[in-house]
Amino acid sequence: MTEITPDSMTAFEQTRVADLAAFYRALAALSETPTLDDLLALEPPLRGRLEALSPSLISETEAQALSRLLQGMIDSCVKALGH
């Protein structure tokens, strides 16, 4: 059994924060995508990144919320590109 120590909890939270920040940066970058094809090409890697976070770093509820956020951002970007 792995012992949970304050240091291991700090390391876990640091990893969680870094991975979530990277996901949010990638999500924000969708708004700078110049074409629909480029936008749609970014969706699978973002979904993969999200799947990699769950369940080790985020709960299923968080994963579902982030998935909806991702879909909403993609839908908005598609409309912003005129499609």
Protein backbone atom coordinates (compact mmCIF):
# COMPACT_ATOMS: atom_id res chain seq x y z
CA MET A 1 0.00 0.00 0.00
CA THR A 2 1.31 3.44 -0.91
CA GLU A 3 1.71 5.80 2.00
CA ILE A 4 0.06 9.17 1.52
CA THR A 5 2.24 11.95 2.86
CA PRO A 6 1.96 15.72 2.70
CA ASP A 7 4.74 15.71 0.08
CA SER A 8 2.92 13.17 -2.09
CA MET A 9 -0.31 15.17 -1.85
CA THR A 10 1.54 18.34 -2.84
CA ALA A 11 3.12 16.55 -5.79
CA PHE A 12 -0.28 15.22 -6.84
CA GLU A 13 -1.87 18.68 -6.71
CA GLN A 14 1.04 20.22 -8.60
CA THR A 15 0.65 17.61 -11.34
CA ARG A 16 -3.11 18.09 -11.41
CA VAL A 17 -2.81 21.88 -11.70
CA ALA A 18 -0.15 21.68 -14.42
CA ASP A 19 -2.16 19.18 -16.49
CA LEU A 20 -5.40 21.12 -16.12
CA ALA A 21 -3.64 24.37 -17.03
CA ALA A 22 -2.24 22.74 -20.17
CA PHE A 23 -5.73 21.52 -21.09
CA TYR A 24 -7.21 25.01 -20.61
CA ARG A 25 -4.43 26.60 -22.69
CA ALA A 26 -5.10 24.12 -25.50
CA LEU A 27 -8.82 24.82 -25.18
CA ALA A 28 -8.20 28.56 -25.46
CA ALA A 29 -5.96 28.01 -28.49
CA LEU A 30 -8.99 26.69 -30.38
CA SER A 31 -10.15 30.30 -30.69
CA GLU A 32 -7.08 31.11 -32.79
CA THR A 33 -7.61 28.30 -35.30
CA PRO A 34 -7.88 29.80 -38.81
CA THR A 35 -9.87 27.08 -40.60
CA LEU A 36 -12.56 24.54 -39.87
CA ASP A 37 -10.24 21.68 -40.89
CA ASP A 38 -7.58 22.90 -38.46
CA LEU A 39 -10.16 23.22 -35.71
CA LEU A 40 -11.54 19.73 -36.25
CA ALA A 41 -8.00 18.30 -36.33
CA LEU A 42 -7.41 19.65 -32.81
CA GLU A 43 -10.45 17.96 -31.29
CA PRO A 44 -9.15 14.35 -31.06
CA PRO A 45 -5.89 15.30 -29.29
CA LEU A 46 -7.83 17.45 -26.81
CA ARG A 47 -10.29 14.64 -26.13
CA GLY A 48 -7.33 12.29 -25.66
CA ARG A 49 -5.73 14.69 -23.21
CA LEU A 50 -8.99 14.84 -21.29
CA GLU A 51 -9.28 11.05 -21.21
CA ALA A 52 -5.72 10.83 -19.89
CA LEU A 53 -6.65 13.05 -16.95
CA SER A 54 -9.53 10.85 -15.83
CA PRO A 55 -9.79 9.15 -13.39
CA SER A 56 -6.27 9.57 -12.02
CA LEU A 57 -6.23 13.38 -11.81
CA ILE A 58 -9.87 14.43 -12.21
CA SER A 59 -13.16 12.90 -11.19
CA GLU A 60 -15.70 11.55 -13.65
CA THR A 61 -17.91 14.56 -12.89
CA GLU A 62 -15.05 16.93 -13.72
CA ALA A 63 -14.31 14.99 -16.90
CA GLN A 64 -17.93 15.27 -18.02
CA ALA A 65 -17.99 19.00 -17.31
CA LEU A 66 -14.73 19.57 -19.19
CA SER A 67 -16.00 17.47 -22.09
CA ARG A 68 -19.10 19.68 -22.32
CA LEU A 69 -16.90 22.77 -22.10
CA LEU A 70 -14.72 21.43 -24.92
CA GLN A 71 -17.74 20.69 -27.10
CA GLY A 72 -19.18 24.13 -26.41
CA MET A 73 -15.90 25.78 -27.38
CA ILE A 74 -15.69 23.75 -30.59
CA ASP A 75 -19.29 24.63 -31.46
CA SER A 76 -18.62 28.33 -30.84
CA CYS A 77 -15.44 28.27 -32.90
CA VAL A 78 -17.24 26.54 -35.78
CA LYS A 79 -19.83 29.34 -35.75
CA ALA A 80 -17.11 32.00 -35.48
CA LEU A 81 -15.51 30.52 -38.60
CA GLY A 82 -18.81 31.00 -40.42
CA HIS A 83 -20.00 27.40 -40.54
